[in-house]
N, C-alpha and C. Protein backbone atom coordinates (compact mmCIF):
# COMPACT_ATOMS: atom_id res chain seq x y z
N MET A 1 104.42 167.78 52.75
CA MET A 1 104.86 167.22 54.01
C MET A 1 104.91 165.70 53.86
N ILE A 2 105.90 165.13 54.42
CA ILE A 2 106.10 163.68 54.34
C ILE A 2 105.78 163.09 55.70
N ASP A 3 104.82 162.20 55.74
CA ASP A 3 104.44 161.56 56.99
C ASP A 3 104.81 160.09 56.93
N LEU A 4 105.56 159.63 57.92
CA LEU A 4 105.95 158.22 58.01
C LEU A 4 105.71 157.71 59.41
N ASP A 5 105.26 156.49 59.49
CA ASP A 5 105.25 155.75 60.74
C ASP A 5 106.19 154.58 60.53
N VAL A 6 107.25 154.54 61.29
CA VAL A 6 108.25 153.47 61.15
C VAL A 6 108.22 152.63 62.42
N ARG A 7 108.04 151.35 62.23
CA ARG A 7 108.13 150.39 63.34
C ARG A 7 109.23 149.41 62.99
N ALA A 8 110.20 149.30 63.86
CA ALA A 8 111.33 148.44 63.56
C ALA A 8 111.67 147.58 64.77
N THR A 9 111.99 146.35 64.50
CA THR A 9 112.52 145.46 65.52
C THR A 9 113.83 144.91 64.98
N GLY A 10 114.72 144.60 65.86
CA GLY A 10 116.00 144.09 65.40
C GLY A 10 116.77 143.46 66.54
N ASP A 11 118.02 143.19 66.26
CA ASP A 11 118.88 142.54 67.24
C ASP A 11 119.54 143.57 68.16
N LEU A 12 118.70 144.39 68.77
CA LEU A 12 119.20 145.47 69.63
C LEU A 12 119.94 144.94 70.85
N HIS A 13 119.71 143.69 71.20
CA HIS A 13 120.44 143.10 72.32
C HIS A 13 121.92 142.93 71.97
N ILE A 14 122.24 142.94 70.68
CA ILE A 14 123.64 142.89 70.23
C ILE A 14 124.15 144.32 70.07
N ASP A 15 123.53 145.07 69.19
CA ASP A 15 123.81 146.50 69.02
C ASP A 15 122.75 147.11 68.12
N ASP A 16 122.83 148.41 67.90
CA ASP A 16 121.82 149.14 67.12
C ASP A 16 122.12 149.17 65.62
N HIS A 17 123.32 148.75 65.22
CA HIS A 17 123.81 148.97 63.85
C HIS A 17 122.84 148.47 62.77
N HIS A 18 122.48 147.20 62.79
CA HIS A 18 121.66 146.66 61.70
C HIS A 18 120.25 147.24 61.68
N THR A 19 119.70 147.52 62.84
CA THR A 19 118.36 148.09 62.89
C THR A 19 118.36 149.51 62.31
N VAL A 20 119.36 150.30 62.66
CA VAL A 20 119.46 151.66 62.13
C VAL A 20 119.67 151.61 60.62
N GLU A 21 120.59 150.77 60.18
CA GLU A 21 120.86 150.64 58.74
C GLU A 21 119.63 150.15 57.98
N ASP A 22 118.94 149.16 58.54
CA ASP A 22 117.73 148.63 57.89
C ASP A 22 116.64 149.69 57.78
N CYS A 23 116.54 150.59 58.76
CA CYS A 23 115.56 151.68 58.67
C CYS A 23 115.90 152.59 57.51
N GLY A 24 117.18 152.93 57.34
CA GLY A 24 117.60 153.75 56.20
C GLY A 24 117.31 153.07 54.88
N ILE A 25 117.56 151.76 54.81
CA ILE A 25 117.27 150.99 53.60
C ILE A 25 115.78 151.02 53.28
N ALA A 26 114.96 150.73 54.28
CA ALA A 26 113.51 150.65 54.07
C ALA A 26 112.93 152.00 53.66
N ILE A 27 113.37 153.08 54.30
CA ILE A 27 112.86 154.40 53.96
C ILE A 27 113.31 154.79 52.56
N GLY A 28 114.55 154.49 52.21
CA GLY A 28 115.04 154.78 50.86
C GLY A 28 114.26 154.02 49.80
N GLN A 29 113.99 152.74 50.06
CA GLN A 29 113.22 151.94 49.10
C GLN A 29 111.79 152.45 48.99
N ALA A 30 111.19 152.83 50.11
CA ALA A 30 109.83 153.36 50.09
C ALA A 30 109.76 154.67 49.31
N LEU A 31 110.76 155.52 49.48
CA LEU A 31 110.82 156.78 48.75
C LEU A 31 110.92 156.53 47.25
N THR A 32 111.79 155.62 46.86
CA THR A 32 111.95 155.27 45.44
C THR A 32 110.64 154.77 44.86
N ALA A 33 109.97 153.89 45.58
CA ALA A 33 108.69 153.34 45.09
C ALA A 33 107.62 154.42 45.02
N ALA A 34 107.57 155.30 46.02
CA ALA A 34 106.54 156.34 46.06
C ALA A 34 106.71 157.36 44.94
N LEU A 35 107.94 157.65 44.56
CA LEU A 35 108.18 158.69 43.55
C LEU A 35 108.06 158.18 42.11
N GLY A 36 108.10 156.87 41.91
CA GLY A 36 107.96 156.32 40.57
C GLY A 36 108.98 156.91 39.61
N ASP A 37 108.51 157.46 38.49
CA ASP A 37 109.45 158.03 37.50
C ASP A 37 109.84 159.47 37.85
N LYS A 38 109.33 159.99 38.95
CA LYS A 38 109.65 161.32 39.47
C LYS A 38 109.08 162.46 38.63
N ARG A 39 108.13 162.15 37.82
CA ARG A 39 107.48 163.17 36.99
C ARG A 39 106.88 164.27 37.86
N GLY A 40 107.23 165.53 37.53
CA GLY A 40 106.62 166.68 38.18
C GLY A 40 107.23 167.12 39.50
N ILE A 41 108.27 166.43 39.98
CA ILE A 41 108.88 166.86 41.24
C ILE A 41 109.97 167.89 40.97
N ARG A 42 110.36 168.59 42.01
CA ARG A 42 111.43 169.59 41.89
C ARG A 42 112.81 168.94 41.73
N ARG A 43 113.01 167.78 42.29
CA ARG A 43 114.23 166.98 42.22
C ARG A 43 115.31 167.42 43.19
N TYR A 44 115.59 168.69 43.31
CA TYR A 44 116.65 169.20 44.17
C TYR A 44 116.06 169.81 45.44
N GLY A 45 116.82 169.70 46.52
CA GLY A 45 116.39 170.32 47.76
C GLY A 45 117.59 170.73 48.59
N GLU A 46 117.36 171.70 49.44
CA GLU A 46 118.44 172.17 50.32
C GLU A 46 117.85 172.72 51.60
N CYS A 47 118.68 172.73 52.64
CA CYS A 47 118.27 173.32 53.90
C CYS A 47 119.51 173.62 54.73
N ARG A 48 119.50 174.76 55.36
CA ARG A 48 120.53 175.11 56.34
C ARG A 48 119.79 175.28 57.64
N LEU A 49 120.03 174.36 58.59
CA LEU A 49 119.19 174.28 59.77
C LEU A 49 119.96 174.51 61.06
N PRO A 50 119.53 175.50 61.87
CA PRO A 50 120.12 175.70 63.18
C PRO A 50 119.38 174.86 64.23
N MET A 51 120.12 174.28 65.14
CA MET A 51 119.53 173.55 66.26
C MET A 51 120.37 173.89 67.49
N ASP A 52 119.95 174.91 68.21
CA ASP A 52 120.69 175.41 69.36
C ASP A 52 122.13 175.75 68.94
N ASP A 53 123.13 175.05 69.47
CA ASP A 53 124.53 175.34 69.17
C ASP A 53 124.98 174.80 67.81
N ALA A 54 124.19 173.92 67.22
CA ALA A 54 124.59 173.27 65.97
C ALA A 54 123.94 173.93 64.77
N GLN A 55 124.65 173.85 63.65
CA GLN A 55 124.08 174.26 62.37
C GLN A 55 124.57 173.27 61.32
N VAL A 56 123.62 172.75 60.55
CA VAL A 56 123.93 171.74 59.54
C VAL A 56 123.29 172.17 58.22
N ALA A 57 124.04 171.97 57.14
CA ALA A 57 123.53 172.25 55.80
C ALA A 57 123.37 170.93 55.06
N CYS A 58 122.28 170.83 54.31
CA CYS A 58 122.03 169.65 53.48
C CYS A 58 121.65 170.13 52.09
N ALA A 59 122.22 169.46 51.10
CA ALA A 59 121.82 169.66 49.72
C ALA A 59 121.67 168.27 49.13
N LEU A 60 120.58 168.06 48.35
CA LEU A 60 120.38 166.73 47.80
C LEU A 60 119.76 166.80 46.42
N ASP A 61 119.96 165.70 45.70
CA ASP A 61 119.46 165.53 44.34
C ASP A 61 118.87 164.13 44.25
N LEU A 62 117.62 164.04 43.88
CA LEU A 62 116.97 162.74 43.71
C LEU A 62 117.31 162.22 42.31
N SER A 63 118.57 161.98 42.10
CA SER A 63 119.16 161.74 40.79
C SER A 63 119.14 160.28 40.35
N ALA A 64 118.86 159.36 41.25
CA ALA A 64 119.03 157.92 41.03
C ALA A 64 120.51 157.54 40.97
N ARG A 65 121.38 158.46 41.34
CA ARG A 65 122.82 158.20 41.44
C ARG A 65 123.22 158.38 42.90
N PRO A 66 123.19 157.30 43.66
CA PRO A 66 123.45 157.42 45.10
C PRO A 66 124.89 157.82 45.41
N HIS A 67 125.00 158.78 46.31
CA HIS A 67 126.33 159.20 46.77
C HIS A 67 126.12 159.99 48.06
N LEU A 68 126.96 159.74 49.05
CA LEU A 68 126.90 160.48 50.30
C LEU A 68 128.20 161.23 50.51
N VAL A 69 128.07 162.53 50.74
CA VAL A 69 129.18 163.36 51.21
C VAL A 69 128.85 163.70 52.66
N TRP A 70 129.70 163.29 53.57
CA TRP A 70 129.44 163.40 55.01
C TRP A 70 130.55 164.21 55.65
N ASN A 71 130.27 165.44 55.98
CA ASN A 71 131.23 166.31 56.68
C ASN A 71 130.65 166.67 58.04
N VAL A 72 130.54 165.66 58.89
CA VAL A 72 129.98 165.83 60.22
C VAL A 72 130.92 165.14 61.21
N ALA A 73 131.28 165.85 62.25
CA ALA A 73 132.13 165.27 63.29
C ALA A 73 131.42 165.42 64.63
N PHE A 74 131.15 164.29 65.25
CA PHE A 74 130.51 164.31 66.57
C PHE A 74 131.59 164.42 67.64
N PRO A 75 131.39 165.31 68.62
CA PRO A 75 132.39 165.44 69.67
C PRO A 75 132.40 164.28 70.67
N THR A 76 131.34 163.48 70.67
CA THR A 76 131.28 162.34 71.58
C THR A 76 130.94 161.08 70.78
N PRO A 77 131.38 159.92 71.24
CA PRO A 77 131.08 158.68 70.52
C PRO A 77 129.66 158.17 70.74
N LYS A 78 128.97 158.70 71.74
CA LYS A 78 127.62 158.22 72.04
C LYS A 78 126.70 159.38 72.39
N ILE A 79 125.41 159.17 72.11
CA ILE A 79 124.34 160.02 72.61
C ILE A 79 123.53 159.08 73.49
N GLY A 80 123.69 159.19 74.79
CA GLY A 80 123.13 158.18 75.69
C GLY A 80 123.83 156.85 75.42
N THR A 81 123.07 155.86 74.98
CA THR A 81 123.66 154.56 74.64
C THR A 81 123.79 154.37 73.14
N PHE A 82 123.41 155.38 72.36
CA PHE A 82 123.40 155.29 70.90
C PHE A 82 124.76 155.72 70.33
N ASP A 83 125.35 154.89 69.48
CA ASP A 83 126.62 155.20 68.84
C ASP A 83 126.42 156.29 67.78
N THR A 84 127.12 157.40 67.91
CA THR A 84 126.95 158.51 66.97
C THR A 84 127.38 158.11 65.55
N GLU A 85 128.27 157.14 65.40
CA GLU A 85 128.68 156.72 64.05
C GLU A 85 127.52 156.12 63.26
N LEU A 86 126.46 155.72 63.95
CA LEU A 86 125.30 155.14 63.27
C LEU A 86 124.47 156.19 62.53
N VAL A 87 124.62 157.45 62.88
CA VAL A 87 123.91 158.49 62.15
C VAL A 87 124.37 158.48 60.69
N ARG A 88 125.68 158.40 60.48
CA ARG A 88 126.20 158.31 59.11
C ARG A 88 125.72 157.03 58.43
N GLU A 89 125.70 155.92 59.14
CA GLU A 89 125.25 154.65 58.56
C GLU A 89 123.80 154.74 58.07
N PHE A 90 122.95 155.42 58.83
CA PHE A 90 121.57 155.62 58.40
C PHE A 90 121.52 156.38 57.08
N PHE A 91 122.24 157.49 57.02
CA PHE A 91 122.19 158.32 55.81
C PHE A 91 122.85 157.64 54.62
N GLN A 92 123.86 156.82 54.85
CA GLN A 92 124.46 156.06 53.75
C GLN A 92 123.44 155.09 53.17
N ALA A 93 122.70 154.39 54.04
CA ALA A 93 121.67 153.46 53.57
C ALA A 93 120.54 154.19 52.87
N LEU A 94 120.12 155.32 53.41
CA LEU A 94 119.06 156.12 52.79
C LEU A 94 119.48 156.58 51.40
N ALA A 95 120.69 157.12 51.28
CA ALA A 95 121.17 157.61 49.99
C ALA A 95 121.29 156.47 48.98
N THR A 96 121.84 155.36 49.41
CA THR A 96 122.04 154.22 48.51
C THR A 96 120.73 153.67 48.00
N HIS A 97 119.78 153.44 48.89
CA HIS A 97 118.53 152.78 48.51
C HIS A 97 117.46 153.76 48.04
N GLY A 98 117.68 155.05 48.27
CA GLY A 98 116.77 156.06 47.76
C GLY A 98 117.27 156.70 46.47
N GLY A 99 118.47 156.31 46.02
CA GLY A 99 119.04 156.89 44.81
C GLY A 99 119.28 158.39 44.96
N ILE A 100 119.83 158.79 46.10
CA ILE A 100 119.97 160.20 46.43
C ILE A 100 121.45 160.60 46.43
N THR A 101 121.77 161.67 45.74
CA THR A 101 123.05 162.32 45.94
C THR A 101 122.84 163.25 47.13
N LEU A 102 123.51 162.95 48.24
CA LEU A 102 123.21 163.58 49.52
C LEU A 102 124.47 164.17 50.13
N HIS A 103 124.45 165.48 50.34
CA HIS A 103 125.56 166.19 50.99
C HIS A 103 125.08 166.70 52.33
N ILE A 104 125.78 166.32 53.40
CA ILE A 104 125.46 166.81 54.74
C ILE A 104 126.73 167.40 55.33
N ASP A 105 126.67 168.69 55.64
CA ASP A 105 127.82 169.42 56.14
C ASP A 105 127.50 170.09 57.46
N MET A 106 128.27 169.76 58.49
CA MET A 106 128.13 170.44 59.78
C MET A 106 128.91 171.75 59.70
N ILE A 107 128.22 172.84 59.93
CA ILE A 107 128.87 174.14 59.92
C ILE A 107 129.54 174.39 61.27
N HIS A 108 128.80 174.08 62.33
CA HIS A 108 129.38 174.08 63.67
C HIS A 108 128.44 173.37 64.64
N GLY A 109 128.96 173.04 65.80
CA GLY A 109 128.18 172.38 66.83
C GLY A 109 129.09 171.82 67.91
N VAL A 110 128.57 171.78 69.14
CA VAL A 110 129.34 171.23 70.25
C VAL A 110 128.58 170.11 70.97
N ASN A 111 127.28 170.02 70.78
CA ASN A 111 126.47 169.02 71.45
C ASN A 111 126.07 167.95 70.44
N SER A 112 126.47 166.71 70.68
CA SER A 112 126.21 165.62 69.73
C SER A 112 124.73 165.43 69.45
N HIS A 113 123.89 165.56 70.47
CA HIS A 113 122.45 165.41 70.28
C HIS A 113 121.93 166.48 69.31
N HIS A 114 122.35 167.72 69.50
CA HIS A 114 121.89 168.81 68.63
C HIS A 114 122.42 168.64 67.21
N ILE A 115 123.64 168.16 67.07
CA ILE A 115 124.21 167.93 65.74
C ILE A 115 123.41 166.84 65.01
N ALA A 116 123.14 165.73 65.69
CA ALA A 116 122.37 164.64 65.06
C ALA A 116 120.97 165.11 64.70
N GLU A 117 120.32 165.82 65.60
CA GLU A 117 118.97 166.30 65.33
C GLU A 117 118.96 167.27 64.15
N ALA A 118 119.96 168.13 64.07
CA ALA A 118 120.05 169.07 62.94
C ALA A 118 120.27 168.31 61.64
N CYS A 119 121.04 167.23 61.65
CA CYS A 119 121.25 166.42 60.44
C CYS A 119 119.92 165.86 59.95
N PHE A 120 119.18 165.22 60.83
CA PHE A 120 117.91 164.61 60.43
C PHE A 120 116.90 165.64 59.96
N LYS A 121 116.81 166.75 60.65
CA LYS A 121 115.82 167.76 60.27
C LYS A 121 116.21 168.47 58.98
N ALA A 122 117.51 168.72 58.78
CA ALA A 122 117.95 169.36 57.53
C ALA A 122 117.68 168.46 56.34
N VAL A 123 117.95 167.16 56.48
CA VAL A 123 117.68 166.22 55.39
C VAL A 123 116.18 166.14 55.13
N ALA A 124 115.38 166.09 56.19
CA ALA A 124 113.93 166.01 56.02
C ALA A 124 113.39 167.24 55.28
N ARG A 125 113.87 168.42 55.66
CA ARG A 125 113.41 169.65 55.00
C ARG A 125 113.85 169.70 53.54
N ALA A 126 115.09 169.30 53.26
CA ALA A 126 115.58 169.29 51.89
C ALA A 126 114.82 168.25 51.06
N LEU A 127 114.54 167.11 51.65
CA LEU A 127 113.80 166.06 50.95
C LEU A 127 112.38 166.53 50.64
N ARG A 128 111.76 167.18 51.59
CA ARG A 128 110.42 167.73 51.36
C ARG A 128 110.42 168.69 50.18
N MET A 129 111.43 169.54 50.09
CA MET A 129 111.54 170.48 48.97
C MET A 129 111.71 169.72 47.66
N ALA A 130 112.55 168.69 47.65
CA ALA A 130 112.86 167.96 46.41
C ALA A 130 111.67 167.17 45.88
N VAL A 131 110.81 166.67 46.76
CA VAL A 131 109.68 165.85 46.30
C VAL A 131 108.44 166.67 46.00
N GLU A 132 108.49 167.97 46.30
CA GLU A 132 107.35 168.85 46.00
C GLU A 132 107.05 168.87 44.51
N HIS A 133 105.78 169.05 44.21
CA HIS A 133 105.36 169.22 42.82
C HIS A 133 105.90 170.55 42.30
N ASP A 134 106.48 170.51 41.12
CA ASP A 134 106.95 171.73 40.46
C ASP A 134 105.81 172.25 39.60
N PRO A 135 105.20 173.36 39.98
CA PRO A 135 104.04 173.85 39.23
C PRO A 135 104.38 174.31 37.82
N ARG A 136 105.65 174.51 37.51
CA ARG A 136 106.05 174.97 36.18
C ARG A 136 106.20 173.83 35.18
N CYS A 137 106.28 172.59 35.70
CA CYS A 137 106.61 171.49 34.79
C CYS A 137 106.03 170.18 35.30
N ASP A 138 105.41 169.43 34.41
CA ASP A 138 104.89 168.12 34.79
C ASP A 138 105.70 167.00 34.13
N ALA A 139 106.93 167.31 33.77
CA ALA A 139 107.78 166.33 33.10
C ALA A 139 108.74 165.70 34.12
N ILE A 140 109.48 164.72 33.66
CA ILE A 140 110.55 164.16 34.48
C ILE A 140 111.66 165.21 34.51
N PRO A 141 112.14 165.58 35.71
CA PRO A 141 113.09 166.69 35.82
C PRO A 141 114.52 166.29 35.40
N SER A 142 114.68 166.01 34.14
CA SER A 142 115.99 165.62 33.61
C SER A 142 116.03 165.92 32.11
N THR A 143 117.15 166.40 31.64
CA THR A 143 117.27 166.64 30.20
C THR A 143 117.32 165.34 29.42
N LYS A 144 117.63 164.23 30.12
CA LYS A 144 117.66 162.92 29.47
C LYS A 144 116.27 162.27 29.41
N GLY A 145 115.32 162.82 30.16
CA GLY A 145 113.97 162.27 30.15
C GLY A 145 113.78 161.09 31.09
N ALA A 146 114.78 160.78 31.89
CA ALA A 146 114.67 159.68 32.85
C ALA A 146 115.64 159.93 34.00
N LEU A 147 115.24 159.48 35.17
CA LEU A 147 116.11 159.52 36.35
C LEU A 147 116.29 158.12 36.88
């Protein structure tokens, strides 16, 4: 289980963009630092998560090769006052600074809040799987010996 306490301040009086992006950057950097050489982890993770009307699939690889595949369409531009386009910005920053190959695919959904929540929870579950200790191997999970 991954436990984080995130406290962020930013120029929210202008908009949420930089604060959301900075959170993704900081979490990605913290993940990279915490995993070190990644010895003994599973490396790959996946989750298909239902959240009421929404269903989102996530597959990821802690490869040190950042890439985001984003197949999510929000039916509304905002959730309350929050711009839904910032959900992608968060995951782009997380993938880039965490060295994650990250695929997020919306299978279906009609409620923007449920879609966003399913995205975050699916990524969290897949990430938890990927960082778990692999009891079969205490090596770096790569044929090259480095990630």
